[in-house]
Amino acid sequence: MLLWLLFFPFLLEISSSFSSKVTLTDPNGGYFYSPEYHSDYPNDLSTTYSISAPDGYYIRITFLVFHTEQNYDTLTIYDGDSSDSKLLARLSGSRSGTVLVTSGNNVYMDFETDLAVNDRGFYAKYEVFLVGTNPQDLHGCPQSNYESAQFLGITSPNWPRNYTELLDCGYHIKVDPGYTIHLMIEAFQTEHFDYLRIYDGPNADANPIAELRDSPATPIDFTSTTNEMYMFFSTDLLYTDIGFAGVFWPVSADKSKAKLSKGNPIKETVPKIFDSPKISSLFHLRPARHLLIP
């Protein structure tokens, strides 16, 4: 009995859950994420998300990142404004690239985690569309400028559906002065002659960090040395694939320098590094297209 009294306050402490509510109503869409993302989410968590669109509209959700403890840490999604609505999906484990569409203008989500084992969690985009219309595939490039004081998703056109042929898309990423950029490529898959090049600066004249193509192991992390980074995505005439999805966020320049002083993490994690000054000076030139003839 004495032991029970001694340990009872401790048991109460570890069993108390972290609860929060997130409400999203932007008619232009936006992003939502698990608590403490981009770090691992907490244990014993209960967080709800409510998204509302104007009457006559519906909602599409795309999970750029989704990694939880399989079967134990779960995001339950309802096609309506409460947990009494019809079940739309129950997600756990690795489900990056999942796309869900509501039947109406509301969606309600409940994220529950257990007492042990956690993971990166999720980062998702929601979009709002007029009922009776279908989202159209993008036959060009998405927005070219990305600025954020927190973190923001970035993808190839149409991800996780296939990108189109003959693309030359530039992505200029910028954060506040005094910060560097941490870019995490969560998913990547292209045809061999389609590639993503990443540069340590505002354009393709900056020092190249890496070139990605085919299906490298993910996630892959990159860190800039300044508050700007540039990405160039190019596709050829034949064959397409799902492309890439990633998230970037600002990192204090002091912390970034501390990391680099221990050995540049870029060179340890990137599948292909371009250190040759000759190659670097040519990177800003448009590459020749490759056409495979049977």
C-alpha atoms as a PDB file:
ATOM      1  CA  MET A   1       0.000   0.000   0.000  1.00  0.00           C
ATOM      2  CA  LEU A   2       2.844   2.368   0.857  1.00  0.00           C
ATOM      3  CA  LEU A   3       4.521   1.679  -2.515  1.00  0.00           C
ATOM      4  CA  TRP A   4       1.255   2.437  -4.331  1.00  0.00           C
ATOM      5  CA  LEU A   5       0.949   5.796  -2.549  1.00  0.00           C
ATOM      6  CA  LEU A   6       4.531   6.657  -3.418  1.00  0.00           C
ATOM      7  CA  PHE A   7       4.134   5.861  -7.126  1.00  0.00           C
ATOM      8  CA  PHE A   8       0.551   7.114  -7.616  1.00  0.00           C
ATOM      9  CA  PRO A   9       1.483  10.784  -8.313  1.00  0.00           C
ATOM     10  CA  PHE A  10       4.042   9.611 -10.898  1.00  0.00           C
ATOM     11  CA  LEU A  11       1.437   7.437 -12.635  1.00  0.00           C
ATOM     12  CA  LEU A  12      -0.928  10.390 -12.797  1.00  0.00           C
ATOM     13  CA  GLU A  13       1.792  12.492 -14.395  1.00  0.00           C
ATOM     14  CA  ILE A  14       2.682  10.069 -17.169  1.00  0.00           C
ATOM     15  CA  SER A  15      -0.959   9.329 -17.970  1.00  0.00           C
ATOM     16  CA  SER A  16      -1.990  12.969 -18.431  1.00  0.00           C
ATOM     17  CA  SER A  17      -2.409  13.566 -22.182  1.00  0.00           C
ATOM     18  CA  PHE A  18      -1.533  16.589 -24.286  1.00  0.00           C
ATOM     19  CA  SER A  19      -4.686  17.963 -25.909  1.00  0.00           C
ATOM     20  CA  SER A  20      -5.165  20.711 -28.473  1.00  0.00           C
ATOM     21  CA  LYS A  21      -7.582  21.890 -31.153  1.00  0.00           C
ATOM     22  CA  VAL A  22      -6.768  23.347 -34.572  1.00  0.00           C
ATOM     23  CA  THR A  23      -9.386  25.182 -36.635  1.00  0.00           C
ATOM     24  CA  LEU A  24      -8.747  26.105 -40.272  1.00  0.00           C
ATOM     25  CA  THR A  25     -11.080  28.229 -42.388  1.00  0.00           C
ATOM     26  CA  ASP A  26      -8.959  29.840 -45.121  1.00  0.00           C
ATOM     27  CA  PRO A  27     -10.972  29.600 -48.395  1.00  0.00           C
ATOM     28  CA  ASN A  28      -7.666  29.619 -50.320  1.00  0.00           C
ATOM     29  CA  GLY A  29      -6.447  26.475 -48.535  1.00  0.00           C
ATOM     30  CA  GLY A  30      -3.290  26.012 -46.511  1.00  0.00           C
ATOM     31  CA  TYR A  31      -1.254  23.534 -44.472  1.00  0.00           C
ATOM     32  CA  PHE A  32      -1.601  21.677 -41.166  1.00  0.00           C
ATOM     33  CA  TYR A  33       0.728  19.371 -39.260  1.00  0.00           C
ATOM     34  CA  SER A  34       1.183  17.218 -36.180  1.00  0.00           C
ATOM     35  CA  PRO A  35       2.248  18.863 -32.891  1.00  0.00           C
ATOM     36  CA  GLU A  36       5.951  19.777 -32.684  1.00  0.00           C
ATOM     37  CA  TYR A  37       6.529  19.010 -36.375  1.00  0.00           C
ATOM     38  CA  HIS A  38       9.293  18.910 -37.767  1.00  0.00           C
ATOM     39  CA  SER A  39      10.424  17.124 -34.602  1.00  0.00           C
ATOM     40  CA  ASP A  40       8.744  13.929 -33.421  1.00  0.00           C
ATOM     41  CA  TYR A  41       5.242  14.339 -32.026  1.00  0.00           C
ATOM     42  CA  PRO A  42       4.711  13.744 -28.247  1.00  0.00           C
ATOM     43  CA  ASN A  43       3.408  10.556 -26.683  1.00  0.00           C
ATOM     44  CA  ASP A  44      -0.051  10.379 -25.116  1.00  0.00           C
ATOM     45  CA  LEU A  45      -1.417  13.002 -27.475  1.00  0.00           C
ATOM     46  CA  SER A  46      -4.921  14.022 -28.473  1.00  0.00           C
ATOM     47  CA  THR A  47      -5.245  16.721 -31.124  1.00  0.00           C
ATOM     48  CA  THR A  48      -8.266  17.554 -33.274  1.00  0.00           C
ATOM     49  CA  TYR A  49      -8.346  19.434 -36.580  1.00  0.00           C
ATOM     50  CA  SER A  50     -11.432  21.074 -38.078  1.00  0.00           C
ATOM     51  CA  ILE A  51     -11.367  22.426 -41.628  1.00  0.00           C
ATOM     52  CA  SER A  52     -14.306  24.384 -43.017  1.00  0.00           C
ATOM     53  CA  ALA A  53     -14.801  25.688 -46.550  1.00  0.00           C
ATOM     54  CA  PRO A  54     -17.567  27.986 -47.816  1.00  0.00           C
ATOM     55  CA  ASP A  55     -20.934  26.451 -48.701  1.00  0.00           C
ATOM     56  CA  GLY A  56     -20.893  24.851 -52.130  1.00  0.00           C
ATOM     57  CA  TYR A  57     -17.229  23.814 -51.890  1.00  0.00           C
ATOM     58  CA  TYR A  58     -15.385  20.614 -50.996  1.00  0.00           C
ATOM     59  CA  ILE A  59     -11.908  19.916 -49.560  1.00  0.00           C
ATOM     60  CA  ARG A  60      -8.959  17.898 -50.859  1.00  0.00           C
ATOM     61  CA  ILE A  61      -6.169  16.895 -48.458  1.00  0.00           C
ATOM     62  CA  THR A  62      -2.715  15.746 -49.596  1.00  0.00           C
ATOM     63  CA  PHE A  63      -0.247  14.345 -47.045  1.00  0.00           C
ATOM     64  CA  LEU A  64       3.244  15.401 -48.084  1.00  0.00           C
ATOM     65  CA  VAL A  65       4.648  13.643 -45.019  1.00  0.00           C
ATOM     66  CA  PHE A  66       3.019  10.937 -42.907  1.00  0.00           C
ATOM     67  CA  HIS A  67       4.974   8.715 -40.523  1.00  0.00           C
ATOM     68  CA  THR A  68       3.511   7.414 -37.262  1.00  0.00           C
ATOM     69  CA  GLU A  69       3.824   4.306 -35.141  1.00  0.00           C
ATOM     70  CA  GLN A  70       1.890   1.691 -37.121  1.00  0.00           C
ATOM     71  CA  ASN A  71      -1.518   0.790 -35.597  1.00  0.00           C
ATOM     72  CA  TYR A  72      -0.898   2.713 -32.352  1.00  0.00           C
ATOM     73  CA  ASP A  73      -0.586   6.384 -33.340  1.00  0.00           C
ATOM     74  CA  THR A  74      -3.500   7.150 -35.635  1.00  0.00           C
ATOM     75  CA  LEU A  75      -5.106  10.030 -37.502  1.00  0.00           C
ATOM     76  CA  THR A  76      -8.828   9.378 -37.924  1.00  0.00           C
ATOM     77  CA  ILE A  77     -10.554  11.509 -40.565  1.00  0.00           C
ATOM     78  CA  TYR A  78     -14.314  12.142 -40.751  1.00  0.00           C
ATOM     79  CA  ASP A  79     -16.274  13.425 -43.746  1.00  0.00           C
ATOM     80  CA  GLY A  80     -18.055  16.176 -41.829  1.00  0.00           C
ATOM     81  CA  ASP A  81     -17.797  18.557 -38.895  1.00  0.00           C
ATOM     82  CA  SER A  82     -17.465  16.056 -36.018  1.00  0.00           C
ATOM     83  CA  SER A  83     -16.512  12.523 -35.034  1.00  0.00           C
ATOM     84  CA  ASP A  84     -20.190  11.582 -35.533  1.00  0.00           C
ATOM     85  CA  SER A  85     -19.754  12.094 -39.280  1.00  0.00           C
ATOM     86  CA  LYS A  86     -18.993   9.331 -41.759  1.00  0.00           C
ATOM     87  CA  LEU A  87     -15.497   7.828 -41.469  1.00  0.00           C
ATOM     88  CA  LEU A  88     -13.338   8.927 -44.394  1.00  0.00           C
ATOM     89  CA  ALA A  89     -10.025   7.267 -43.479  1.00  0.00           C
ATOM     90  CA  ARG A  90      -7.891   6.023 -40.599  1.00  0.00           C
ATOM     91  CA  LEU A  91      -4.168   6.519 -41.205  1.00  0.00           C
ATOM     92  CA  SER A  92      -1.108   5.175 -39.390  1.00  0.00           C
ATOM     93  CA  GLY A  93       2.357   3.987 -40.336  1.00  0.00           C
ATOM     94  CA  SER A  94       3.970   5.408 -43.508  1.00  0.00           C
ATOM     95  CA  ARG A  95       1.280   6.997 -45.671  1.00  0.00           C
ATOM     96  CA  SER A  96       3.028   9.909 -47.383  1.00  0.00           C
ATOM     97  CA  GLY A  97       1.285  10.769 -50.658  1.00  0.00           C
ATOM     98  CA  THR A  98      -2.209   9.891 -49.427  1.00  0.00           C
ATOM     99  CA  VAL A  99      -4.915  12.072 -51.011  1.00  0.00           C
ATOM    100  CA  LEU A 100      -8.423  12.372 -49.530  1.00  0.00           C
ATOM    101  CA  VAL A 101     -11.477  14.221 -50.859  1.00  0.00           C
ATOM    102  CA  THR A 102     -14.526  15.208 -48.821  1.00  0.00           C
ATOM    103  CA  SER A 103     -18.127  15.111 -50.020  1.00  0.00           C
ATOM    104  CA  GLY A 104     -18.933  18.484 -48.456  1.00  0.00           C
ATOM    105  CA  ASN A 105     -17.369  21.620 -47.023  1.00  0.00           C
ATOM    106  CA  ASN A 106     -16.193  20.213 -43.671  1.00  0.00           C
ATOM    107  CA  VAL A 107     -13.663  17.700 -42.453  1.00  0.00           C
ATOM    108  CA  TYR A 108     -12.846  16.692 -38.880  1.00  0.00           C
ATOM    109  CA  MET A 109      -9.680  14.844 -37.812  1.00  0.00           C
ATOM    110  CA  ASP A 110      -8.542  13.301 -34.541  1.00  0.00           C
ATOM    111  CA  PHE A 111      -4.857  12.475 -33.960  1.00  0.00           C
ATOM    112  CA  GLU A 112      -4.267  10.077 -31.052  1.00  0.00           C
ATOM    113  CA  THR A 113      -0.940   8.652 -29.869  1.00  0.00           C
ATOM    114  CA  ASP A 114      -0.111   6.084 -27.196  1.00  0.00           C
ATOM    115  CA  LEU A 115       2.343   6.189 -24.279  1.00  0.00           C
ATOM    116  CA  ALA A 116       5.421   4.888 -26.094  1.00  0.00           C
ATOM    117  CA  VAL A 117       7.212   5.157 -29.451  1.00  0.00           C
ATOM    118  CA  ASN A 118       6.726   8.181 -31.675  1.00  0.00           C
ATOM    119  CA  ASP A 119       7.760   9.360 -35.138  1.00  0.00           C
ATOM    120  CA  ARG A 120       7.967  12.435 -37.381  1.00  0.00           C
ATOM    121  CA  GLY A 121       4.213  12.787 -37.692  1.00  0.00           C
ATOM    122  CA  PHE A 122       2.547  14.467 -40.649  1.00  0.00           C
ATOM    123  CA  TYR A 123       2.516  17.582 -42.785  1.00  0.00           C
ATOM    124  CA  ALA A 124      -0.431  18.088 -45.109  1.00  0.00           C
ATOM    125  CA  LYS A 125      -1.873  20.536 -47.623  1.00  0.00           C
ATOM    126  CA  TYR A 126      -5.580  21.250 -47.944  1.00  0.00           C
ATOM    127  CA  GLU A 127      -7.226  22.782 -51.006  1.00  0.00           C
ATOM    128  CA  VAL A 128     -10.758  24.054 -51.570  1.00  0.00           C
ATOM    129  CA  PHE A 129     -12.711  23.441 -54.791  1.00  0.00           C
ATOM    130  CA  LEU A 130     -16.181  24.333 -56.064  1.00  0.00           C
ATOM    131  CA  VAL A 131     -18.586  21.382 -55.963  1.00  0.00           C
ATOM    132  CA  GLY A 132     -19.040  19.929 -59.454  1.00  0.00           C
ATOM    133  CA  THR A 133     -15.513  20.792 -60.571  1.00  0.00           C
ATOM    134  CA  ASN A 134     -12.483  18.526 -60.622  1.00  0.00           C
ATOM    135  CA  PRO A 135      -8.930  19.617 -59.791  1.00  0.00           C
ATOM    136  CA  GLN A 136      -7.041  19.901 -63.049  1.00  0.00           C
ATOM    137  CA  ASP A 137      -3.536  18.551 -63.540  1.00  0.00           C
ATOM    138  CA  LEU A 138      -0.979  21.315 -63.766  1.00  0.00           C
ATOM    139  CA  HIS A 139       0.581  21.298 -67.241  1.00  0.00           C
ATOM    140  CA  GLY A 140       3.262  23.763 -66.262  1.00  0.00           C
ATOM    141  CA  CYS A 141       5.266  24.781 -63.213  1.00  0.00           C
ATOM    142  CA  PRO A 142       3.900  25.636 -59.761  1.00  0.00           C
ATOM    143  CA  GLN A 143       4.710  28.880 -57.969  1.00  0.00           C
ATOM    144  CA  SER A 144       8.366  29.848 -58.199  1.00  0.00           C
ATOM    145  CA  ASN A 145       8.920  31.822 -54.974  1.00  0.00           C
ATOM    146  CA  TYR A 146       8.672  30.306 -51.504  1.00  0.00           C
ATOM    147  CA  GLU A 147       9.171  32.378 -48.361  1.00  0.00           C
ATOM    148  CA  SER A 148       8.392  31.235 -44.845  1.00  0.00           C
ATOM    149  CA  ALA A 149       9.205  32.107 -41.247  1.00  0.00           C
ATOM    150  CA  GLN A 150       8.243  28.577 -40.141  1.00  0.00           C
ATOM    151  CA  PHE A 151       8.076  25.663 -42.556  1.00  0.00           C
ATOM    152  CA  LEU A 152       6.447  25.107 -45.904  1.00  0.00           C
ATOM    153  CA  GLY A 153       5.803  22.237 -48.303  1.00  0.00           C
ATOM    154  CA  ILE A 154       7.278  22.112 -51.789  1.00  0.00           C
ATOM    155  CA  THR A 155       6.494  19.578 -54.545  1.00  0.00           C
ATOM    156  CA  SER A 156       6.850  18.790 -58.217  1.00  0.00           C
ATOM    157  CA  PRO A 157       3.800  19.672 -60.365  1.00  0.00           C
ATOM    158  CA  ASN A 158       0.753  17.467 -59.624  1.00  0.00           C
ATOM    159  CA  TRP A 159       2.441  15.432 -56.868  1.00  0.00           C
ATOM    160  CA  PRO A 160       1.612  12.679 -55.941  1.00  0.00           C
ATOM    161  CA  ARG A 161       0.200  12.289 -59.463  1.00  0.00           C
ATOM    162  CA  ASN A 162       2.684  12.263 -62.327  1.00  0.00           C
ATOM    163  CA  TYR A 163       4.355  15.448 -63.493  1.00  0.00           C
ATOM    164  CA  THR A 164       4.187  16.276 -67.209  1.00  0.00           C
ATOM    165  CA  GLU A 165       6.811  16.277 -69.960  1.00  0.00           C
ATOM    166  CA  LEU A 166       9.131  19.113 -70.978  1.00  0.00           C
ATOM    167  CA  LEU A 167       9.242  21.006 -67.705  1.00  0.00           C
ATOM    168  CA  ASP A 168      11.897  23.461 -66.572  1.00  0.00           C
ATOM    169  CA  CYS A 169      10.707  24.633 -63.152  1.00  0.00           C
ATOM    170  CA  GLY A 170      12.623  26.891 -60.806  1.00  0.00           C
ATOM    171  CA  TYR A 171      11.960  27.122 -57.059  1.00  0.00           C
ATOM    172  CA  HIS A 172      13.453  30.055 -55.158  1.00  0.00           C
ATOM    173  CA  ILE A 173      13.361  29.474 -51.382  1.00  0.00           C
ATOM    174  CA  LYS A 174      14.030  32.313 -48.960  1.00  0.00           C
ATOM    175  CA  VAL A 175      13.881  32.702 -45.179  1.00  0.00           C
ATOM    176  CA  ASP A 176      14.660  35.651 -42.898  1.00  0.00           C
ATOM    177  CA  PRO A 177      18.229  37.036 -42.689  1.00  0.00           C
ATOM    178  CA  GLY A 178      20.243  35.380 -39.942  1.00  0.00           C
ATOM    179  CA  TYR A 179      18.815  31.967 -40.805  1.00  0.00           C
ATOM    180  CA  THR A 180      19.795  29.169 -43.151  1.00  0.00           C
ATOM    181  CA  ILE A 181      17.449  26.701 -44.863  1.00  0.00           C
ATOM    182  CA  HIS A 182      16.937  23.066 -43.920  1.00  0.00           C
ATOM    183  CA  LEU A 183      15.316  21.179 -46.808  1.00  0.00           C
ATOM    184  CA  MET A 184      14.008  17.646 -46.306  1.00  0.00           C
ATOM    185  CA  ILE A 185      13.060  15.703 -49.446  1.00  0.00           C
ATOM    186  CA  GLU A 186      10.487  13.257 -48.143  1.00  0.00           C
ATOM    187  CA  ALA A 187       9.672  11.414 -51.383  1.00  0.00           C
ATOM    188  CA  PHE A 188      11.493  11.255 -54.707  1.00  0.00           C
ATOM    189  CA  GLN A 189      10.925   9.220 -57.863  1.00  0.00           C
ATOM    190  CA  THR A 190      11.667  10.295 -61.437  1.00  0.00           C
ATOM    191  CA  GLU A 191      12.455   8.797 -64.805  1.00  0.00           C
ATOM    192  CA  HIS A 192      16.238   8.596 -65.226  1.00  0.00           C
ATOM    193  CA  PHE A 193      16.545  11.614 -67.530  1.00  0.00           C
ATOM    194  CA  ASP A 194      14.389  13.842 -65.310  1.00  0.00           C
ATOM    195  CA  TYR A 195      16.189  15.440 -62.391  1.00  0.00           C
ATOM    196  CA  LEU A 196      16.141  17.939 -59.526  1.00  0.00           C
ATOM    197  CA  ARG A 197      19.196  20.137 -58.953  1.00  0.00           C
ATOM    198  CA  ILE A 198      19.677  22.014 -55.693  1.00  0.00           C
ATOM    199  CA  TYR A 199      21.852  25.124 -55.329  1.00  0.00           C
ATOM    200  CA  ASP A 200      23.240  26.916 -52.294  1.00  0.00           C
ATOM    201  CA  GLY A 201      21.975  30.374 -53.195  1.00  0.00           C
ATOM    202  CA  PRO A 202      19.259  32.393 -54.979  1.00  0.00           C
ATOM    203  CA  ASN A 203      19.663  30.975 -58.495  1.00  0.00           C
ATOM    204  CA  ALA A 204      21.401  28.385 -60.676  1.00  0.00           C
ATOM    205  CA  ASP A 205      24.616  30.443 -60.693  1.00  0.00           C
ATOM    206  CA  ALA A 206      25.130  29.567 -57.014  1.00  0.00           C
ATOM    207  CA  ASN A 207      27.246  26.636 -55.827  1.00  0.00           C
ATOM    208  CA  PRO A 208      25.492  23.323 -56.596  1.00  0.00           C
ATOM    209  CA  ILE A 209      24.665  21.070 -53.671  1.00  0.00           C
ATOM    210  CA  ALA A 210      23.262  17.979 -55.383  1.00  0.00           C
ATOM    211  CA  GLU A 211      21.431  16.415 -58.278  1.00  0.00           C
ATOM    212  CA  LEU A 212      18.668  13.868 -57.613  1.00  0.00           C
ATOM    213  CA  ARG A 213      17.155  11.466 -60.137  1.00  0.00           C
ATOM    214  CA  ASP A 214      15.658   7.948 -60.258  1.00  0.00           C
ATOM    215  CA  SER A 215      14.679   6.690 -56.775  1.00  0.00           C
ATOM    216  CA  PRO A 216      17.212   7.617 -54.068  1.00  0.00           C
ATOM    217  CA  ALA A 217      16.582   6.521 -50.498  1.00  0.00           C
ATOM    218  CA  THR A 218      14.524   9.109 -48.637  1.00  0.00           C
ATOM    219  CA  PRO A 219      14.243  11.227 -46.580  1.00  0.00           C
ATOM    220  CA  ILE A 220      17.266  13.273 -47.668  1.00  0.00           C
ATOM    221  CA  ASP A 221      18.314  16.430 -45.820  1.00  0.00           C
ATOM    222  CA  PHE A 222      20.110  19.499 -47.172  1.00  0.00           C
ATOM    223  CA  THR A 223      21.254  22.654 -45.394  1.00  0.00           C
ATOM    224  CA  SER A 224      22.135  25.937 -47.105  1.00  0.00           C
ATOM    225  CA  THR A 225      24.889  28.299 -45.937  1.00  0.00           C
ATOM    226  CA  THR A 226      22.755  31.436 -46.467  1.00  0.00           C
ATOM    227  CA  ASN A 227      19.073  32.351 -46.214  1.00  0.00           C
ATOM    228  CA  GLU A 228      18.393  31.410 -49.858  1.00  0.00           C
ATOM    229  CA  MET A 229      18.258  28.163 -51.824  1.00  0.00           C
ATOM    230  CA  TYR A 230      17.342  27.402 -55.434  1.00  0.00           C
ATOM    231  CA  MET A 231      15.934  24.213 -56.975  1.00  0.00           C
ATOM    232  CA  PHE A 232      15.635  23.398 -60.677  1.00  0.00           C
ATOM    233  CA  PHE A 233      13.383  20.554 -61.850  1.00  0.00           C
ATOM    234  CA  SER A 234      13.720  19.420 -65.475  1.00  0.00           C
ATOM    235  CA  THR A 235      11.834  16.711 -67.397  1.00  0.00           C
ATOM    236  CA  ASP A 236      12.284  15.359 -70.925  1.00  0.00           C
ATOM    237  CA  LEU A 237       9.964  14.318 -73.780  1.00  0.00           C
ATOM    238  CA  LEU A 238       9.247  10.738 -72.725  1.00  0.00           C
ATOM    239  CA  TYR A 239       8.028   9.015 -69.575  1.00  0.00           C
ATOM    240  CA  THR A 240       7.043  10.677 -66.335  1.00  0.00           C
ATOM    241  CA  ASP A 241       6.735   9.681 -62.682  1.00  0.00           C
ATOM    242  CA  ILE A 242       5.391  11.050 -59.397  1.00  0.00           C
ATOM    243  CA  GLY A 243       8.288  13.468 -58.833  1.00  0.00           C
ATOM    244  CA  PHE A 244       9.142  14.798 -55.386  1.00  0.00           C
ATOM    245  CA  ALA A 245       7.726  16.221 -52.175  1.00  0.00           C
ATOM    246  CA  GLY A 246       9.596  18.005 -49.430  1.00  0.00           C
ATOM    247  CA  VAL A 247       9.395  20.485 -46.595  1.00  0.00           C
ATOM    248  CA  PHE A 248      11.766  23.319 -45.722  1.00  0.00           C
ATOM    249  CA  TRP A 249      12.182  25.431 -42.604  1.00  0.00           C
ATOM    250  CA  PRO A 250      14.546  28.127 -41.278  1.00  0.00           C
ATOM    251  CA  VAL A 251      17.426  27.228 -38.962  1.00  0.00           C
ATOM    252  CA  SER A 252      19.389  29.714 -36.873  1.00  0.00           C
ATOM    253  CA  ALA A 253      22.627  30.456 -38.734  1.00  0.00           C
ATOM    254  CA  ASP A 254      24.602  29.853 -35.524  1.00  0.00           C
ATOM    255  CA  LYS A 255      23.156  26.354 -35.184  1.00  0.00           C
ATOM    256  CA  SER A 256      23.809  25.643 -38.847  1.00  0.00           C
ATOM    257  CA  LYS A 257      27.460  26.682 -38.529  1.00  0.00           C
ATOM    258  CA  ALA A 258      27.846  24.456 -35.476  1.00  0.00           C
ATOM    259  CA  LYS A 259      26.595  21.515 -37.527  1.00  0.00           C
ATOM    260  CA  LEU A 260      28.873  22.259 -40.449  1.00  0.00           C
ATOM    261  CA  SER A 261      31.901  22.613 -38.213  1.00  0.00           C
ATOM    262  CA  LYS A 262      31.547  18.946 -37.282  1.00  0.00           C
ATOM    263  CA  GLY A 263      31.681  17.848 -40.912  1.00  0.00           C
ATOM    264  CA  ASN A 264      29.402  19.051 -43.674  1.00  0.00           C
ATOM    265  CA  PRO A 265      26.181  16.985 -43.363  1.00  0.00           C
ATOM    266  CA  ILE A 266      25.348  17.687 -46.996  1.00  0.00           C
ATOM    267  CA  LYS A 267      28.210  15.542 -48.231  1.00  0.00           C
ATOM    268  CA  GLU A 268      27.254  12.738 -45.881  1.00  0.00           C
ATOM    269  CA  THR A 269      23.614  12.453 -46.978  1.00  0.00           C
ATOM    270  CA  VAL A 270      23.350  13.461 -50.629  1.00  0.00           C
ATOM    271  CA  PRO A 271      23.535  10.674 -53.225  1.00  0.00           C
ATOM    272  CA  LYS A 272      25.460  12.756 -55.752  1.00  0.00           C
ATOM    273  CA  ILE A 273      27.611  15.818 -55.070  1.00  0.00           C
ATOM    274  CA  PHE A 274      29.060  18.135 -57.683  1.00  0.00           C
ATOM    275  CA  ASP A 275      32.326  19.577 -56.406  1.00  0.00           C
ATOM    276  CA  SER A 276      34.007  20.167 -59.792  1.00  0.00           C
ATOM    277  CA  PRO A 277      34.311  23.928 -60.555  1.00  0.00           C
ATOM    278  CA  LYS A 278      33.971  23.091 -64.245  1.00  0.00           C
ATOM    279  CA  ILE A 279      30.719  21.218 -63.747  1.00  0.00           C
ATOM    280  CA  SER A 280      29.470  23.894 -61.358  1.00  0.00           C
ATOM    281  CA  SER A 281      30.023  26.661 -63.907  1.00  0.00           C
ATOM    282  CA  LEU A 282      27.953  24.791 -66.483  1.00  0.00           C
ATOM    283  CA  PHE A 283      24.989  23.984 -64.276  1.00  0.00           C
ATOM    284  CA  HIS A 284      23.070  27.115 -65.157  1.00  0.00           C
ATOM    285  CA  LEU A 285      23.007  26.131 -68.836  1.00  0.00           C
ATOM    286  CA  ARG A 286      19.908  24.391 -70.139  1.00  0.00           C
ATOM    287  CA  PRO A 287      20.714  20.668 -70.449  1.00  0.00           C
ATOM    288  CA  ALA A 288      20.286  18.781 -73.690  1.00  0.00           C
ATOM    289  CA  ARG A 289      17.069  16.795 -73.894  1.00  0.00           C
ATOM    290  CA  HIS A 290      17.339  13.018 -74.020  1.00  0.00           C
ATOM    291  CA  LEU A 291      15.130  11.097 -76.413  1.00  0.00           C
ATOM    292  CA  LEU A 292      15.096   7.328 -76.259  1.00  0.00           C
ATOM    293  CA  ILE A 293      14.409   5.711 -79.623  1.00  0.00           C
ATOM    294  CA  PRO A 294      13.277   2.047 -79.535  1.00  0.00           C
END
